[in-house]
Amino acid sequence: MKKRRIFFSIIIFLFTLVSIRAKALTIDTNVIGQVELDLKYADLKFENANIAIYKVGSVDENGHVTYLDDFNYQDTGGSVEGGEDLDNGPNDDLQEETVSKTFEELKASEIDELARKMYDTIQTNNIEPIDSGVTNKQGFLIFKNLNVGLYLVKAESVVDDNYEYISAPQLLLLPTFDEINDSYVYEFAAMLKVEAKEITTGDETGGNDKGNNDEGIPNTFDAIILYLSIFVVAVVGIGVVVYYIKKSKRKDDEK
């Protein structure tokens, strides 16, 4: 009898653990979350940079994403309004594969491409963000009061010295899954991807440089002038030296 009680106690304990884990792995769609965005490049932090956030999909309690109508390319055959092709480039096969998948099945590269196309749709249809703001001195910006869903964030480019810092549109899923604690997180931080592009002027990209011809070959005209000047100075110098030598020799002869 005692063994049976221990056995049933273990069964109840294990069932409780399974129930707790199942509850932890279920998304509470009523929770309000927030996202803290970090915009920087190496040690360079961007202050007063504008960032906009758009909601592009909903998420159910099982984590399945449903795109909002404007971004449901499965219903449009991979096109956005106006007949624009989803790929807009040479890799049609990849895009057809991307369109046929659910969001959960997409690879990282496909998610990046989907984010780009969603932002194209936003610009084409003049879709307004649900919120926007500017970063603080540390390059941080927090969006609060966000419902569970799929969001797209886009930071404006920042120009500093001779570089333009560009942040591509990025998709964020709220909540995100914490694999360490094996649970969903409704408040989290995300670092935006930034790449630096050097700004070149017309003179640096084939303009009329004074020292270079159109093919980028050094112009020898200035060098010729320089050599002629040196030659003239040398001749004059030699003439002066010869003059004083002869003058000195005449004085010696007179003595």
Foldseek 3Di string as FASTA:
>chain_A
DVVVVVVVVVVVVVVVVVVVLVVQQWDDQVDWFKEKEAEADDQGADFFWKKFKAFFWAAHRNGFTDGDPQLLCLVVVQAHPPGHHNQVDDPVVVSNVLNPDTPVPDDPVSQLSSQQSVVVSCVVVVPHGPDMGTAHPRNMDMDTRHGFGKMKMAIDWDDDDFKIKHFRIHIDGAFDADPVVSGTDRYYYDYTDIDIDGHDDLVRVQHPDPQADNVRDGDCPVVVVVVVVVVVVVVVVVVVVVVVVVVVVVVVVVD
